[in-house]
Amino acid sequence: MVDWWQILDCDEVLTSYWDKCDATTRDDLWTSLQLLREYGNRCPSTISEALGHESRLFSLKARSRSRKVQIRLIYFFFSAVRKQIIFVDVIEKKKRALEPADLKTALKRKADVEKGILDAETFRRRPTPKQTS
């Protein structure tokens, strides 16, 4: 039995991005989110990467096949005991590397969550079921 990690959404950044996406992009995002939920901090580097030891932020990699853009879902591990992952920003990658300025909002939200200033809610979106004819 798999002990799934809980996906939490700070300031509705993940929910807002999800709601703007088409069905194909949502499917791509869902695949990456499910891998993270299953593997958590043991997720392979092809799916998730650390963004620097000092920040303790990570980037979940996703690609929109329909929009042909790389998506980086920025998160941190809030509690390994309770298996909680909190998403603090979503960035569409236009160039190869994320710049420090790209992480400014994510770092602020992370600090605010850790201080108890911001809350994070459970991410409740799911892909739309495929219609069968």
C-alpha atoms as a PDB file:
ATOM      1  CA  MET A   1       0.000   0.000   0.000  1.00  0.00           C
ATOM      2  CA  VAL A   2       1.318   3.444  -0.954  1.00  0.00           C
ATOM      3  CA  ASP A   3       1.489   6.105   1.760  1.00  0.00           C
ATOM      4  CA  TRP A   4       0.637   9.177  -0.349  1.00  0.00           C
ATOM      5  CA  TRP A   5       1.928  12.677   0.326  1.00  0.00           C
ATOM      6  CA  GLN A   6      -0.669  15.430   0.758  1.00  0.00           C
ATOM      7  CA  ILE A   7      -0.629  18.243  -1.819  1.00  0.00           C
ATOM      8  CA  LEU A   8      -1.410  21.679  -0.349  1.00  0.00           C
ATOM      9  CA  ASP A   9      -1.939  24.913  -2.249  1.00  0.00           C
ATOM     10  CA  CYS A  10      -0.745  28.257  -0.814  1.00  0.00           C
ATOM     11  CA  ASP A  11      -2.632  31.364  -1.940  1.00  0.00           C
ATOM     12  CA  GLU A  12      -4.429  29.184  -4.528  1.00  0.00           C
ATOM     13  CA  VAL A  13      -1.466  29.443  -6.912  1.00  0.00           C
ATOM     14  CA  LEU A  14      -1.870  25.887  -8.141  1.00  0.00           C
ATOM     15  CA  THR A  15      -5.681  26.053  -8.300  1.00  0.00           C
ATOM     16  CA  SER A  16      -5.636  29.343 -10.237  1.00  0.00           C
ATOM     17  CA  TYR A  17      -3.124  28.012 -12.754  1.00  0.00           C
ATOM     18  CA  TRP A  18      -5.035  24.722 -13.112  1.00  0.00           C
ATOM     19  CA  ASP A  19      -8.308  26.565 -13.801  1.00  0.00           C
ATOM     20  CA  LYS A  20      -6.703  28.485 -16.700  1.00  0.00           C
ATOM     21  CA  CYS A  21      -5.342  25.337 -18.391  1.00  0.00           C
ATOM     22  CA  ASP A  22      -6.897  23.256 -21.132  1.00  0.00           C
ATOM     23  CA  ALA A  23      -7.704  19.558 -20.537  1.00  0.00           C
ATOM     24  CA  THR A  24      -4.474  18.317 -22.134  1.00  0.00           C
ATOM     25  CA  THR A  25      -2.307  20.545 -19.950  1.00  0.00           C
ATOM     26  CA  ARG A  26      -4.288  19.487 -16.865  1.00  0.00           C
ATOM     27  CA  ASP A  27      -3.583  15.843 -17.730  1.00  0.00           C
ATOM     28  CA  ASP A  28       0.138  16.639 -18.015  1.00  0.00           C
ATOM     29  CA  LEU A  29       0.106  18.467 -14.671  1.00  0.00           C
ATOM     30  CA  TRP A  30      -1.847  15.640 -13.053  1.00  0.00           C
ATOM     31  CA  THR A  31       0.730  13.059 -14.114  1.00  0.00           C
ATOM     32  CA  SER A  32       3.537  15.046 -12.450  1.00  0.00           C
ATOM     33  CA  LEU A  33       1.454  15.717  -9.326  1.00  0.00           C
ATOM     34  CA  GLN A  34       0.607  12.034  -8.930  1.00  0.00           C
ATOM     35  CA  LEU A  35       4.269  11.036  -9.181  1.00  0.00           C
ATOM     36  CA  LEU A  36       5.139  13.594  -6.494  1.00  0.00           C
ATOM     37  CA  ARG A  37       2.283  12.394  -4.265  1.00  0.00           C
ATOM     38  CA  GLU A  38       3.523   8.837  -4.545  1.00  0.00           C
ATOM     39  CA  TYR A  39       7.294   9.366  -4.244  1.00  0.00           C
ATOM     40  CA  GLY A  40       7.509  12.626  -2.252  1.00  0.00           C
ATOM     41  CA  ASN A  41      11.106  13.370  -1.257  1.00  0.00           C
ATOM     42  CA  ARG A  42      12.254  10.263  -3.143  1.00  0.00           C
ATOM     43  CA  CYS A  43      10.985  11.615  -6.480  1.00  0.00           C
ATOM     44  CA  PRO A  44      13.541  11.152  -9.292  1.00  0.00           C
ATOM     45  CA  SER A  45      15.376  14.210 -10.639  1.00  0.00           C
ATOM     46  CA  THR A  46      13.639  13.781 -14.000  1.00  0.00           C
ATOM     47  CA  ILE A  47      10.392  14.772 -12.233  1.00  0.00           C
ATOM     48  CA  SER A  48      11.537  17.116  -9.470  1.00  0.00           C
ATOM     49  CA  GLU A  49      14.688  19.080  -8.718  1.00  0.00           C
ATOM     50  CA  ALA A  50      16.058  21.048  -5.783  1.00  0.00           C
ATOM     51  CA  LEU A  51      16.386  24.780  -6.439  1.00  0.00           C
ATOM     52  CA  GLY A  52      19.248  25.356  -4.020  1.00  0.00           C
ATOM     53  CA  HIS A  53      20.088  24.096  -0.570  1.00  0.00           C
ATOM     54  CA  GLU A  54      19.506  27.396   1.177  1.00  0.00           C
ATOM     55  CA  SER A  55      15.999  27.941  -0.232  1.00  0.00           C
ATOM     56  CA  ARG A  56      14.693  24.416   0.476  1.00  0.00           C
ATOM     57  CA  LEU A  57      12.467  24.936  -2.572  1.00  0.00           C
ATOM     58  CA  PHE A  58      11.885  22.348  -5.254  1.00  0.00           C
ATOM     59  CA  SER A  59      10.556  22.445  -8.782  1.00  0.00           C
ATOM     60  CA  LEU A  60       8.091  19.851 -10.058  1.00  0.00           C
ATOM     61  CA  LYS A  61       8.582  19.548 -13.792  1.00  0.00           C
ATOM     62  CA  ALA A  62       5.633  19.432 -16.161  1.00  0.00           C
ATOM     63  CA  ARG A  63       5.184  20.145 -19.828  1.00  0.00           C
ATOM     64  CA  SER A  64       2.142  21.338 -21.676  1.00  0.00           C
ATOM     65  CA  ARG A  65       2.014  19.386 -24.925  1.00  0.00           C
ATOM     66  CA  SER A  66      -0.852  21.531 -26.228  1.00  0.00           C
ATOM     67  CA  ARG A  67       0.782  24.891 -25.422  1.00  0.00           C
ATOM     68  CA  LYS A  68       4.371  23.698 -25.948  1.00  0.00           C
ATOM     69  CA  VAL A  69       5.669  25.283 -22.759  1.00  0.00           C
ATOM     70  CA  GLN A  70       7.594  23.931 -19.778  1.00  0.00           C
ATOM     71  CA  ILE A  71       5.893  24.429 -16.443  1.00  0.00           C
ATOM     72  CA  ARG A  72       7.630  24.529 -13.080  1.00  0.00           C
ATOM     73  CA  LEU A  73       5.480  24.059  -9.995  1.00  0.00           C
ATOM     74  CA  ILE A  74       7.466  25.462  -7.053  1.00  0.00           C
ATOM     75  CA  TYR A  75       6.989  23.722  -3.700  1.00  0.00           C
ATOM     76  CA  PHE A  76       8.571  22.784  -0.401  1.00  0.00           C
ATOM     77  CA  PHE A  77       8.233  19.922   2.058  1.00  0.00           C
ATOM     78  CA  PHE A  78       6.377  21.421   5.010  1.00  0.00           C
ATOM     79  CA  SER A  79       6.217  18.312   7.164  1.00  0.00           C
ATOM     80  CA  ALA A  80       7.875  14.985   6.476  1.00  0.00           C
ATOM     81  CA  VAL A  81       6.041  13.460   9.446  1.00  0.00           C
ATOM     82  CA  ARG A  82       2.607  14.496   8.176  1.00  0.00           C
ATOM     83  CA  LYS A  83       3.772  14.064   4.556  1.00  0.00           C
ATOM     84  CA  GLN A  84       2.759  17.569   3.445  1.00  0.00           C
ATOM     85  CA  ILE A  85       3.965  19.328   0.314  1.00  0.00           C
ATOM     86  CA  ILE A  86       3.004  22.968  -0.191  1.00  0.00           C
ATOM     87  CA  PHE A  87       2.985  24.634  -3.614  1.00  0.00           C
ATOM     88  CA  VAL A  88       3.927  28.311  -3.498  1.00  0.00           C
ATOM     89  CA  ASP A  89       4.248  29.352  -7.156  1.00  0.00           C
ATOM     90  CA  VAL A  90       3.841  28.250 -10.770  1.00  0.00           C
ATOM     91  CA  ILE A  91       6.277  29.457 -13.412  1.00  0.00           C
ATOM     92  CA  GLU A  92       6.131  28.928 -17.151  1.00  0.00           C
ATOM     93  CA  LYS A  93       9.727  28.474 -18.198  1.00  0.00           C
ATOM     94  CA  LYS A  94      10.792  30.577 -21.135  1.00  0.00           C
ATOM     95  CA  LYS A  95      14.505  29.977 -20.836  1.00  0.00           C
ATOM     96  CA  ARG A  96      16.696  27.152 -19.650  1.00  0.00           C
ATOM     97  CA  ALA A  97      17.343  28.158 -16.026  1.00  0.00           C
ATOM     98  CA  LEU A  98      15.204  29.798 -13.379  1.00  0.00           C
ATOM     99  CA  GLU A  99      16.619  33.104 -12.235  1.00  0.00           C
ATOM    100  CA  PRO A 100      16.804  34.106  -8.533  1.00  0.00           C
ATOM    101  CA  ALA A 101      14.215  36.834  -9.247  1.00  0.00           C
ATOM    102  CA  ASP A 102      11.803  34.115 -10.458  1.00  0.00           C
ATOM    103  CA  LEU A 103      11.805  32.644  -6.953  1.00  0.00           C
ATOM    104  CA  LYS A 104      11.175  35.869  -5.009  1.00  0.00           C
ATOM    105  CA  THR A 105       7.399  35.308  -4.683  1.00  0.00           C
ATOM    106  CA  ALA A 106       7.847  31.621  -3.843  1.00  0.00           C
ATOM    107  CA  LEU A 107      10.375  32.397  -1.097  1.00  0.00           C
ATOM    108  CA  LYS A 108       8.071  35.047   0.419  1.00  0.00           C
ATOM    109  CA  ARG A 109       5.078  32.701   0.442  1.00  0.00           C
ATOM    110  CA  LYS A 110       7.198  29.895   1.943  1.00  0.00           C
ATOM    111  CA  ALA A 111       8.404  32.200   4.736  1.00  0.00           C
ATOM    112  CA  ASP A 112       4.834  33.386   5.394  1.00  0.00           C
ATOM    113  CA  VAL A 113       3.560  29.794   5.643  1.00  0.00           C
ATOM    114  CA  GLU A 114       6.368  28.852   8.037  1.00  0.00           C
ATOM    115  CA  LYS A 115       5.566  31.901  10.229  1.00  0.00           C
ATOM    116  CA  GLY A 116       1.835  31.086  10.198  1.00  0.00           C
ATOM    117  CA  ILE A 117       0.925  34.254   8.276  1.00  0.00           C
ATOM    118  CA  LEU A 118      -0.394  32.313   5.245  1.00  0.00           C
ATOM    119  CA  ASP A 119      -2.344  29.073   5.239  1.00  0.00           C
ATOM    120  CA  ALA A 120      -2.332  26.338   2.633  1.00  0.00           C
ATOM    121  CA  GLU A 121      -5.413  24.370   1.644  1.00  0.00           C
ATOM    122  CA  THR A 122      -5.695  20.884   0.186  1.00  0.00           C
ATOM    123  CA  PHE A 123      -5.510  20.936  -3.610  1.00  0.00           C
ATOM    124  CA  ARG A 124      -8.859  19.524  -4.743  1.00  0.00           C
ATOM    125  CA  ARG A 125      -8.815  19.716  -8.520  1.00  0.00           C
ATOM    126  CA  ARG A 126      -8.925  16.575 -10.656  1.00  0.00           C
ATOM    127  CA  PRO A 127      -8.747  16.032 -14.410  1.00  0.00           C
ATOM    128  CA  THR A 128     -12.039  15.980 -16.262  1.00  0.00           C
ATOM    129  CA  PRO A 129     -13.042  12.379 -16.995  1.00  0.00           C
ATOM    130  CA  LYS A 130     -12.730  11.460 -20.662  1.00  0.00           C
ATOM    131  CA  GLN A 131     -16.015  11.168 -22.550  1.00  0.00           C
ATOM    132  CA  THR A 132     -16.645   7.827 -24.221  1.00  0.00           C
ATOM    133  CA  SER A 133     -18.826   7.643 -27.276  1.00  0.00           C
END
